[in-house]
N, C-alpha and C. Protein backbone atom coordinates (compact mmCIF):
# COMPACT_ATOMS: atom_id res chain seq x y z
N MET A 1 103.82 49.55 43.52
CA MET A 1 105.02 49.77 42.82
C MET A 1 105.31 50.09 41.29
N SER A 2 105.60 51.29 41.16
CA SER A 2 105.71 51.34 39.98
C SER A 2 106.87 50.58 39.48
N GLN A 3 107.15 49.89 37.40
CA GLN A 3 108.13 49.07 37.02
C GLN A 3 109.43 50.11 37.47
N LEU A 4 110.46 49.74 38.07
CA LEU A 4 111.59 50.29 37.69
C LEU A 4 112.43 49.27 36.92
N LYS A 5 113.57 50.02 36.38
CA LYS A 5 114.39 49.25 35.46
C LYS A 5 115.91 49.87 35.95
N CYS A 6 116.93 49.01 36.07
CA CYS A 6 118.03 49.55 36.37
C CYS A 6 118.63 50.15 35.22
N LEU A 7 119.19 51.32 35.09
CA LEU A 7 119.97 51.82 33.97
C LEU A 7 121.11 51.24 33.31
N ILE A 8 121.88 50.55 34.60
CA ILE A 8 123.25 49.83 34.26
C ILE A 8 123.19 48.49 34.03
N CYS A 9 122.52 47.62 34.25
CA CYS A 9 122.12 46.33 33.87
C CYS A 9 120.95 45.91 32.84
N GLY A 10 119.83 47.06 32.93
CA GLY A 10 118.63 47.12 32.40
C GLY A 10 117.83 45.78 33.08
N MET A 11 118.17 45.15 33.91
CA MET A 11 117.17 44.52 34.32
C MET A 11 115.71 45.09 35.09
N LYS A 12 114.87 44.94 34.69
CA LYS A 12 113.28 45.12 35.12
C LYS A 12 113.20 44.45 36.46
N ILE A 13 112.51 45.55 37.89
CA ILE A 13 112.35 45.32 39.05
C ILE A 13 111.26 45.00 39.32
N HIS A 14 110.50 43.68 39.64
CA HIS A 14 109.30 43.40 39.41
C HIS A 14 108.87 43.10 41.41
N PRO A 15 107.43 43.21 41.58
CA PRO A 15 107.07 42.88 42.97
C PRO A 15 108.17 41.57 43.77
N ASN A 16 108.24 40.70 42.15
CA ASN A 16 108.24 39.08 42.94
C ASN A 16 110.03 39.17 43.29
N THR A 17 110.55 40.42 42.48
CA THR A 17 111.90 40.19 42.24
C THR A 17 112.97 41.13 43.52
N TYR A 18 111.86 42.13 43.88
CA TYR A 18 112.94 43.15 44.06
C TYR A 18 113.48 42.74 45.90
N ASP A 19 113.58 41.53 46.20
CA ASP A 19 114.09 41.54 47.51
C ASP A 19 115.45 40.18 46.91
N LEU A 20 115.71 40.10 46.11
CA LEU A 20 116.87 39.08 45.46
C LEU A 20 117.70 39.46 46.34
N ASN A 21 118.72 39.10 45.84
CA ASN A 21 120.42 39.18 46.78
C ASN A 21 120.28 39.77 47.70
N ASN A 22 119.43 39.59 48.64
CA ASN A 22 119.41 40.96 49.62
C ASN A 22 120.56 40.99 50.66
N TYR A 23 120.97 40.07 50.46
CA TYR A 23 122.40 39.15 51.41
C TYR A 23 123.12 40.03 51.37
N SER A 24 123.35 40.35 50.31
CA SER A 24 124.65 41.17 49.51
C SER A 24 124.33 43.00 49.94
N PHE A 25 123.83 43.18 49.88
CA PHE A 25 123.29 44.81 50.70
C PHE A 25 123.14 45.13 52.59
N GLU A 26 123.86 46.16 52.10
CA GLU A 26 124.07 46.82 54.17
C GLU A 26 122.33 47.25 54.60
N GLU A 27 121.63 47.58 53.39
CA GLU A 27 120.26 47.99 53.95
C GLU A 27 119.58 47.04 52.83
N LYS A 28 118.76 46.73 53.05
CA LYS A 28 117.73 45.96 52.22
C LYS A 28 116.63 46.33 51.39
N ASN A 29 116.61 46.15 50.54
CA ASN A 29 115.12 46.11 49.98
C ASN A 29 114.10 45.67 50.40
N GLU A 30 112.70 46.95 50.33
CA GLU A 30 112.14 46.52 50.56
C GLU A 30 110.71 46.87 49.94
N LYS A 31 109.37 46.37 49.90
CA LYS A 31 108.53 46.21 49.31
C LYS A 31 107.75 47.93 49.08
N GLY A 32 108.37 48.40 48.01
CA GLY A 32 107.53 49.69 48.14
C GLY A 32 108.73 50.96 48.48
N LYS A 33 109.79 50.11 49.01
CA LYS A 33 111.35 51.45 49.27
C LYS A 33 112.43 50.41 48.92
N ILE A 34 112.75 50.40 47.30
CA ILE A 34 114.15 49.66 46.46
C ILE A 34 114.83 50.86 46.71
N ILE A 35 116.15 50.31 47.09
CA ILE A 35 117.23 51.14 47.88
C ILE A 35 118.74 50.40 46.40
N ASN A 36 118.69 49.40 46.08
CA ASN A 36 119.46 48.47 45.20
C ASN A 36 119.06 48.24 43.96
N CYS A 37 119.53 48.05 42.95
CA CYS A 37 119.34 47.24 41.95
C CYS A 37 118.91 45.94 42.53
N PRO A 38 118.16 44.74 42.61
CA PRO A 38 118.77 43.36 43.21
C PRO A 38 119.23 42.49 42.53
N PHE A 39 119.58 43.01 41.44
CA PHE A 39 120.46 42.33 40.28
C PHE A 39 121.90 42.58 40.08
N CYS A 40 122.46 43.92 39.90
CA CYS A 40 123.58 44.43 40.22
C CYS A 40 123.91 45.01 41.39
N GLY A 41 122.96 45.19 42.05
CA GLY A 41 123.63 46.25 43.52
C GLY A 41 123.32 47.42 43.05
N VAL A 42 123.34 48.81 42.23
CA VAL A 42 123.91 49.41 42.18
C VAL A 42 122.59 50.58 42.90
N GLY A 43 123.24 51.46 43.88
CA GLY A 43 122.15 52.47 44.06
C GLY A 43 120.51 52.77 43.39
N LYS A 44 119.99 53.34 44.02
CA LYS A 44 118.17 53.72 44.00
C LYS A 44 118.74 55.14 42.75
N ILE A 45 119.78 55.79 42.47
CA ILE A 45 119.98 56.51 41.55
C ILE A 45 119.95 56.58 40.44
N TYR A 46 120.08 54.79 40.18
CA TYR A 46 120.29 54.71 38.57
C TYR A 46 119.10 53.77 38.36
N LEU A 47 118.39 53.65 39.73
CA LEU A 47 116.43 53.27 38.83
C LEU A 47 116.11 54.21 38.55
N ASP A 48 115.04 53.92 37.37
CA ASP A 48 113.82 54.58 37.03
C ASP A 48 113.10 53.87 36.30
N ASP A 49 111.66 54.51 36.25
CA ASP A 49 111.12 53.99 35.30
C ASP A 49 110.59 54.40 34.08
N GLU A 50 111.49 55.47 33.63
CA GLU A 50 111.29 55.86 32.17
C GLU A 50 112.71 55.83 31.29
N LYS A 51 113.64 56.25 32.02
CA LYS A 51 114.98 56.70 31.32
C LYS A 51 115.34 54.92 30.86
N GLY A 52 115.96 55.28 29.61
CA GLY A 52 116.64 53.99 29.22
C GLY A 52 117.77 53.33 29.59
N ILE A 53 117.93 52.53 29.57
CA ILE A 53 119.46 51.76 30.20
C ILE A 53 120.27 51.99 29.00
N TYR A 54 121.41 52.59 30.06
CA TYR A 54 122.56 53.23 29.56
C TYR A 54 123.54 52.91 28.58
N HIS A 55 123.94 53.67 27.70
CA HIS A 55 124.20 52.44 26.04
C HIS A 55 125.64 52.95 25.91
N VAL A 56 126.49 52.48 25.47
CA VAL A 56 127.75 52.86 25.21
C VAL A 56 127.76 52.08 23.85
N ALA A 57 127.72 53.08 22.89
CA ALA A 57 128.31 52.22 21.74
C ALA A 57 129.98 51.41 21.91
N HIS A 58 130.05 50.10 21.41
CA HIS A 58 131.09 50.05 22.03
C HIS A 58 132.26 50.32 20.81
N ASP A 59 131.60 50.55 19.43
CA ASP A 59 132.44 50.99 18.39
C ASP A 59 133.25 52.27 18.31
N THR A 60 132.81 53.09 19.51
CA THR A 60 133.20 54.29 19.73
C THR A 60 134.31 54.18 21.16
N LEU A 61 134.92 52.78 21.55
CA LEU A 61 135.28 52.80 22.70
C LEU A 61 136.62 52.70 22.24
N ASP A 62 137.99 53.47 22.71
CA ASP A 62 139.26 53.12 21.98
C ASP A 62 139.67 51.86 22.67
N GLU A 63 141.01 51.42 22.21
CA GLU A 63 141.41 49.78 22.44
C GLU A 63 141.61 49.91 23.51
N GLU A 64 142.40 51.39 24.50
CA GLU A 64 142.80 50.99 25.89
C GLU A 64 141.33 50.33 26.77
N SER A 65 140.44 51.23 26.38
CA SER A 65 138.84 51.10 27.09
C SER A 65 138.60 49.93 26.65
N LEU A 66 138.57 49.51 25.52
CA LEU A 66 138.11 47.71 25.64
C LEU A 66 138.71 46.81 26.05
N LYS A 67 140.27 47.21 26.79
CA LYS A 67 141.05 46.48 26.91
C LYS A 67 140.98 46.23 28.37
N VAL A 68 140.45 47.98 29.11
CA VAL A 68 140.04 47.63 30.46
C VAL A 68 138.80 47.17 30.56
N LEU A 69 137.77 46.94 29.68
CA LEU A 69 136.51 46.52 29.86
C LEU A 69 136.25 45.39 30.02
N ASP A 70 137.36 44.49 29.06
CA ASP A 70 137.59 42.73 29.07
C ASP A 70 138.15 42.75 30.64
N HIS A 71 139.56 43.47 30.98
CA HIS A 71 139.84 42.91 32.46
C HIS A 71 138.87 43.04 33.41
N ALA A 72 137.71 44.09 33.27
CA ALA A 72 136.89 44.35 34.19
C ALA A 72 136.09 43.20 34.57
N MET A 73 135.87 42.66 32.89
CA MET A 73 134.75 41.48 32.52
C MET A 73 135.30 39.87 33.35
N LYS A 74 136.60 40.16 32.97
CA LYS A 74 137.65 39.09 33.53
C LYS A 74 137.44 38.87 35.51
N LEU A 75 137.88 39.90 36.13
CA LEU A 75 137.65 39.75 37.24
C LEU A 75 136.71 39.59 37.88
N GLU A 76 135.65 40.13 37.27
CA GLU A 76 133.87 39.71 37.38
C GLU A 76 133.80 38.74 37.74
N VAL A 77 134.03 37.74 36.74
CA VAL A 77 133.28 36.63 36.36
C VAL A 77 134.82 35.57 37.45
N PHE A 78 136.21 35.72 37.72
CA PHE A 78 136.61 35.04 38.53
C PHE A 78 136.15 35.35 39.78
N ASN A 79 135.58 36.62 40.13
CA ASN A 79 134.82 36.78 41.58
C ASN A 79 133.82 36.08 41.65
N GLY A 80 133.22 36.20 40.67
CA GLY A 80 131.36 35.41 40.57
C GLY A 80 132.29 34.03 40.87
N GLU A 81 132.41 33.56 40.29
CA GLU A 81 133.42 32.30 40.54
C GLU A 81 133.68 31.91 42.02
N PHE A 82 134.56 32.75 42.48
CA PHE A 82 134.87 32.21 43.94
C PHE A 82 133.71 32.26 44.63
N TYR A 83 132.84 33.24 44.87
CA TYR A 83 131.68 33.27 45.30
C TYR A 83 131.05 32.16 45.31
N LYS A 84 130.64 31.53 44.21
CA LYS A 84 129.58 30.36 43.63
C LYS A 84 130.48 29.26 44.57
N GLU A 85 131.87 29.09 44.59
CA GLU A 85 132.57 27.79 45.05
C GLU A 85 132.42 28.05 46.46
N ALA A 86 132.87 29.48 47.24
CA ALA A 86 132.94 29.73 48.98
C ALA A 86 130.95 29.16 49.03
N SER A 87 129.96 29.55 48.20
CA SER A 87 129.07 28.98 48.95
C SER A 87 128.58 27.47 49.30
N TYR A 88 129.75 27.10 48.26
CA TYR A 88 129.53 25.71 48.57
C TYR A 88 130.23 25.06 49.95
N LEU A 89 131.60 25.63 50.14
CA LEU A 89 132.75 25.85 51.36
C LEU A 89 132.05 26.12 52.50
N ALA A 90 131.66 27.03 52.66
CA ALA A 90 130.65 27.50 53.91
C ALA A 90 130.32 26.90 54.96
N LYS A 91 130.42 26.67 56.04
CA LYS A 91 129.56 26.08 56.91
C LYS A 91 128.33 26.34 57.50
N ASP A 92 128.43 27.83 57.23
CA ASP A 92 127.10 28.92 57.95
C ASP A 92 126.17 28.86 57.03
N GLY A 93 125.16 28.65 57.43
CA GLY A 93 123.95 28.98 56.29
C GLY A 93 123.75 29.95 56.22
N GLU A 94 124.03 31.34 56.95
CA GLU A 94 123.50 32.68 56.26
C GLU A 94 124.76 33.33 55.63
N VAL A 95 126.32 32.62 55.66
CA VAL A 95 127.51 33.08 55.02
C VAL A 95 127.35 32.17 54.10
N ARG A 96 126.49 31.43 53.45
CA ARG A 96 126.37 30.49 52.18
C ARG A 96 125.87 31.27 51.40
N LYS A 97 124.30 31.58 51.91
CA LYS A 97 123.59 32.91 51.58
C LYS A 97 124.03 33.76 51.36
N LEU A 98 124.80 34.55 51.84
CA LEU A 98 125.77 36.01 51.24
C LEU A 98 126.61 35.42 49.82
N PHE A 99 127.85 34.54 49.99
CA PHE A 99 128.34 34.20 48.80
C PHE A 99 127.24 33.97 47.78
N LYS A 100 126.60 33.41 48.18
CA LYS A 100 125.60 32.67 46.57
C LYS A 100 125.11 34.25 46.06
N ASP A 101 124.39 35.26 46.77
CA ASP A 101 123.79 36.24 46.42
C ASP A 101 125.36 37.25 45.70
N LEU A 102 126.36 37.60 46.46
CA LEU A 102 127.65 38.14 45.99
C LEU A 102 128.19 37.27 44.54
N SER A 103 127.55 36.47 44.71
CA SER A 103 128.09 35.61 43.46
C SER A 103 127.12 36.13 42.35
N ASN A 104 125.83 36.02 42.21
CA ASN A 104 124.94 37.00 41.26
C ASN A 104 125.13 37.83 41.01
N ILE A 105 125.65 38.46 41.89
CA ILE A 105 125.80 40.05 41.69
C ILE A 105 127.23 40.18 40.62
N GLU A 106 127.92 39.29 41.15
CA GLU A 106 129.39 39.88 40.34
C GLU A 106 129.16 39.35 38.92
N PHE A 107 128.16 37.95 38.71
CA PHE A 107 128.11 37.64 37.49
C PHE A 107 127.37 38.77 36.64
N MET A 108 126.60 39.47 37.25
CA MET A 108 125.59 40.27 36.70
C MET A 108 126.98 41.57 36.30
N HIS A 109 127.87 42.23 37.29
CA HIS A 109 128.50 42.56 36.89
C HIS A 109 129.66 42.30 35.44
N ALA A 110 130.02 41.52 35.38
CA ALA A 110 130.66 40.97 34.29
C ALA A 110 129.59 40.87 33.05
N ARG A 111 128.12 40.64 33.01
CA ARG A 111 127.72 40.96 32.21
C ARG A 111 127.43 42.25 31.69
N VAL A 112 127.49 43.10 32.38
CA VAL A 112 127.13 44.76 32.18
C VAL A 112 128.63 44.87 31.29
N HIS A 113 129.88 44.42 31.78
CA HIS A 113 130.88 44.71 31.37
C HIS A 113 131.05 43.98 29.65
N LYS A 114 130.55 43.04 29.82
CA LYS A 114 130.28 42.21 27.92
C LYS A 114 129.57 43.08 27.33
N ARG A 115 128.27 43.39 27.74
CA ARG A 115 127.67 44.05 27.36
C ARG A 115 128.17 45.26 26.30
N ILE A 116 129.16 46.21 27.76
CA ILE A 116 129.37 47.15 27.17
C ILE A 116 130.75 47.49 26.40
N GLY A 117 131.27 46.72 26.33
CA GLY A 117 132.24 46.18 25.52
C GLY A 117 132.21 45.37 24.19
N GLY A 118 131.17 45.07 23.79
CA GLY A 118 130.44 44.26 22.95
C GLY A 118 131.37 42.58 22.70
N PHE A 119 131.29 41.98 23.95
CA PHE A 119 132.31 41.08 23.86
C PHE A 119 131.12 40.07 23.77
N LYS A 120 131.56 38.93 22.91
CA LYS A 120 130.75 37.77 22.56
C LYS A 120 130.05 37.18 23.84
N GLU A 121 131.36 36.37 24.21
CA GLU A 121 130.48 35.97 25.69
C GLU A 121 131.42 35.73 26.76
N LEU A 122 131.03 35.68 28.13
CA LEU A 122 132.36 35.71 29.50
C LEU A 122 133.03 34.73 29.08
N PRO A 123 134.18 35.12 29.73
CA PRO A 123 135.55 34.13 29.80
C PRO A 123 135.33 32.82 30.16
N LYS A 124 135.88 31.89 29.73
CA LYS A 124 135.88 30.86 30.83
C LYS A 124 137.26 30.82 31.35
N LEU A 125 137.37 30.99 32.96
CA LEU A 125 138.37 31.08 33.52
C LEU A 125 138.84 29.66 33.92
N HIS A 126 140.65 29.75 34.68
CA HIS A 126 140.83 28.52 35.21
C HIS A 126 140.37 28.64 36.92
N LYS A 127 139.88 27.49 37.71
CA LYS A 127 138.83 27.48 38.90
C LYS A 127 139.91 26.65 39.72
N PRO A 128 140.89 27.46 40.49
CA PRO A 128 141.62 27.44 41.54
C PRO A 128 140.88 26.18 42.56
N ASP A 129 141.84 26.09 43.53
CA ASP A 129 141.73 25.20 44.04
C ASP A 129 141.62 25.94 45.83
N TYR A 130 140.10 26.38 46.01
CA TYR A 130 140.09 26.95 46.70
C TYR A 130 139.42 26.37 48.35
N GLU A 131 139.35 25.15 48.79
CA GLU A 131 138.71 24.11 49.33
C GLU A 131 140.04 24.12 50.41
N SER A 132 141.80 23.12 49.70
CA SER A 132 142.32 23.13 50.80
C SER A 132 142.99 24.35 51.19
N ARG A 133 142.66 25.61 50.60
CA ARG A 133 144.23 26.85 51.37
C ARG A 133 142.62 27.83 52.63
N LEU A 134 141.22 27.44 51.91
CA LEU A 134 139.98 28.68 52.33
C LEU A 134 139.02 27.34 53.09
N ASN A 135 139.95 26.87 53.93
CA ASN A 135 138.71 26.23 54.40
C ASN A 135 137.83 26.71 55.67
N THR A 136 137.77 27.47 56.56
CA THR A 136 136.56 28.56 57.16
C THR A 136 136.19 29.38 56.67
N ASP A 137 135.24 29.85 56.96
CA ASP A 137 134.12 30.58 57.31
C ASP A 137 134.88 32.04 56.95
N LYS A 138 135.66 31.92 58.37
CA LYS A 138 136.87 33.25 58.53
C LYS A 138 137.34 33.11 57.44
N LEU A 139 138.47 32.29 56.87
CA LEU A 139 139.29 32.37 55.77
C LEU A 139 138.69 32.70 54.42
N LEU A 140 137.51 32.48 54.06
CA LEU A 140 136.88 32.19 53.10
C LEU A 140 136.38 34.08 53.26
N LEU A 141 135.85 34.56 54.07
CA LEU A 141 135.44 36.02 54.32
C LEU A 141 136.71 36.64 54.20
N GLU A 142 137.77 37.00 54.26
CA GLU A 142 138.78 37.16 54.65
C GLU A 142 139.40 37.25 53.46
N GLU A 143 139.48 36.28 52.21
CA GLU A 143 139.28 36.26 51.09
C GLU A 143 138.40 37.62 50.43
N ALA A 144 137.37 37.29 50.43
CA ALA A 144 136.39 38.43 50.23
C ALA A 144 137.00 39.81 50.17
N CYS A 145 137.09 40.05 51.30
CA CYS A 145 137.20 41.15 51.70
C CYS A 145 138.43 41.98 51.07
N LYS A 146 139.54 40.72 50.46
CA LYS A 146 140.95 41.08 49.98
C LYS A 146 140.39 41.47 48.29
N ARG A 147 139.41 40.77 47.94
CA ARG A 147 138.66 40.61 46.34
C ARG A 147 138.17 41.67 46.23
N GLU A 148 137.09 42.14 47.41
CA GLU A 148 136.58 43.06 47.06
C GLU A 148 137.29 44.56 47.09
N GLU A 149 138.48 44.37 48.09
CA GLU A 149 139.34 45.49 47.99
C GLU A 149 140.05 45.63 46.86
N HIS A 150 139.99 44.47 46.16
CA HIS A 150 141.39 45.11 44.94
C HIS A 150 140.03 45.19 43.84
N ALA A 151 139.08 45.23 44.17
CA ALA A 151 138.29 45.31 43.00
C ALA A 151 137.54 47.53 42.75
N ILE A 152 137.49 47.51 43.91
CA ILE A 152 137.65 48.92 44.25
C ILE A 152 139.02 49.78 43.86
N ALA A 153 140.01 48.82 43.97
CA ALA A 153 141.18 49.42 43.23
C ALA A 153 141.18 49.84 42.02
N PHE A 154 140.46 48.35 41.60
CA PHE A 154 140.96 48.10 40.00
C PHE A 154 139.46 49.43 39.62
N TYR A 155 138.52 49.43 39.68
CA TYR A 155 137.89 50.38 39.12
C TYR A 155 138.61 51.89 39.52
N LYS A 156 138.85 52.17 40.68
CA LYS A 156 139.36 53.26 40.83
C LYS A 156 140.56 53.70 39.69
N LYS A 157 141.22 53.09 39.57
CA LYS A 157 142.70 53.29 38.80
C LYS A 157 142.86 53.02 37.39
N ASN A 158 141.25 52.53 37.22
CA ASN A 158 141.10 52.16 35.55
C ASN A 158 140.14 52.97 35.30
N SER A 159 139.29 53.97 35.51
CA SER A 159 138.10 54.65 35.64
C SER A 159 139.41 55.93 34.40
N VAL A 160 140.18 56.13 35.19
CA VAL A 160 141.14 57.49 34.04
C VAL A 160 141.62 56.64 32.98
N ARG A 161 141.46 55.35 32.57
CA ARG A 161 142.02 55.07 31.67
C ARG A 161 141.02 54.87 30.40
N VAL A 162 139.76 55.49 30.45
CA VAL A 162 138.78 54.82 29.61
C VAL A 162 137.99 55.80 28.94
N CYS A 163 137.49 55.62 27.83
CA CYS A 163 137.58 56.97 27.15
C CYS A 163 136.23 57.90 26.94
N SER A 164 135.05 56.90 27.98
CA SER A 164 133.71 57.67 27.99
C SER A 164 133.26 57.45 29.55
N ASP A 165 132.88 59.07 29.52
CA ASP A 165 132.86 59.29 30.71
C ASP A 165 131.25 58.27 31.35
N LEU A 166 130.26 58.04 30.63
CA LEU A 166 129.40 56.99 30.98
C LEU A 166 130.14 55.68 31.52
N VAL A 167 130.93 54.94 31.17
CA VAL A 167 132.42 53.83 31.32
C VAL A 167 132.32 54.46 32.53
N LYS A 168 132.83 55.76 32.82
CA LYS A 168 133.46 56.04 34.44
C LYS A 168 132.70 56.04 35.06
N GLU A 169 131.44 56.98 35.58
CA GLU A 169 130.11 56.53 36.00
C GLU A 169 129.95 54.97 36.21
N ILE A 170 129.32 54.20 35.01
CA ILE A 170 129.34 52.58 35.39
C ILE A 170 130.44 52.12 36.33
N PHE A 171 131.65 52.51 36.23
CA PHE A 171 132.55 51.49 37.15
C PHE A 171 132.26 52.81 38.68
N LYS A 172 131.95 53.88 38.66
CA LYS A 172 131.97 54.12 39.73
C LYS A 172 130.87 53.48 40.74
N ALA A 173 129.63 53.46 39.97
CA ALA A 173 128.20 52.72 40.63
C ALA A 173 128.92 51.41 40.72
N LEU A 174 129.56 50.72 40.44
CA LEU A 174 129.86 48.91 40.45
C LEU A 174 130.37 49.41 41.77
N SER A 175 131.85 50.15 41.75
CA SER A 175 132.66 50.54 42.65
C SER A 175 132.07 50.38 44.20
N ASP A 176 131.37 51.46 44.16
CA ASP A 176 130.01 51.63 45.33
C ASP A 176 129.41 50.23 45.48
N VAL A 177 129.07 49.39 44.68
CA VAL A 177 128.62 48.52 45.06
C VAL A 177 129.74 47.33 45.83
N GLU A 178 131.07 47.14 45.47
CA GLU A 178 132.19 46.25 45.69
C GLU A 178 132.62 47.06 47.12
N LYS A 179 131.98 48.35 47.02
CA LYS A 179 132.30 48.65 49.17
C LYS A 179 131.78 47.92 49.78
N GLN A 180 130.44 48.53 49.63
CA GLN A 180 129.36 47.92 50.55
C GLN A 180 129.75 46.11 50.10
N HIS A 181 129.92 45.68 49.25
CA HIS A 181 130.03 44.16 49.43
C HIS A 181 131.12 43.81 50.38
N GLU A 182 132.49 44.37 50.49
CA GLU A 182 133.40 44.90 51.43
C GLU A 182 133.17 44.72 52.95
N ASN A 183 132.42 46.19 52.86
CA ASN A 183 132.09 46.15 54.32
C ASN A 183 131.15 44.79 55.01
N ILE A 184 130.28 44.33 54.54
CA ILE A 184 129.21 43.63 55.42
C ILE A 184 130.41 41.96 54.75
N ALA A 185 131.38 41.57 54.04
CA ALA A 185 132.00 40.63 54.73
C ALA A 185 132.92 41.01 55.85
N ASP A 186 133.75 42.00 56.20
CA ASP A 186 134.41 42.51 57.14
C ASP A 186 133.67 42.18 58.33
N LYS A 187 131.99 42.93 58.21
CA LYS A 187 131.28 42.28 59.62
C LYS A 187 131.00 41.68 60.06
N TYR A 188 131.24 40.15 58.84
CA TYR A 188 131.04 38.84 59.49
C TYR A 188 131.86 38.08 60.15
N ILE A 189 133.14 39.09 59.75
CA ILE A 189 134.51 38.15 60.27
C ILE A 189 134.49 38.75 61.53
């Protein structure tokens, strides 16, 4: 297997990393058949062994674009933290693994936005009490569907507000990942 690199998140896919976060994909990566970036989830069209990582000089982005990227980063951190907590709260072992993998992917999305926007660090957000109101796997999965639906709508709505075609393409790629997550959570319900 040639060494692929993700053009969105910049991670290199090695023979020992191709199957990371496989619970977060509808179609799983296999040795010699990489379909998704195992780190951020984007499709194989964004995986290459020669091209450079997508780079947007953050000083070329207008104030509105930076504001959108900041909100996108916070959205992904918020969802990543939810999935991390849900991985502890879920009763079913497979659902726990799903939430753990989804958390990893969402935090990688946040790091992509951090890099593109030139932000210094990921935000620290207030952690809500999920345990008291989401006390079954079904409720956690329903919340996951709502969050993915919201993320898809966010990317669609805000792609017209950013000034960079490359950021629009990244939003589309990440939105496709979120749609896959929504489908997976819905199937578990």
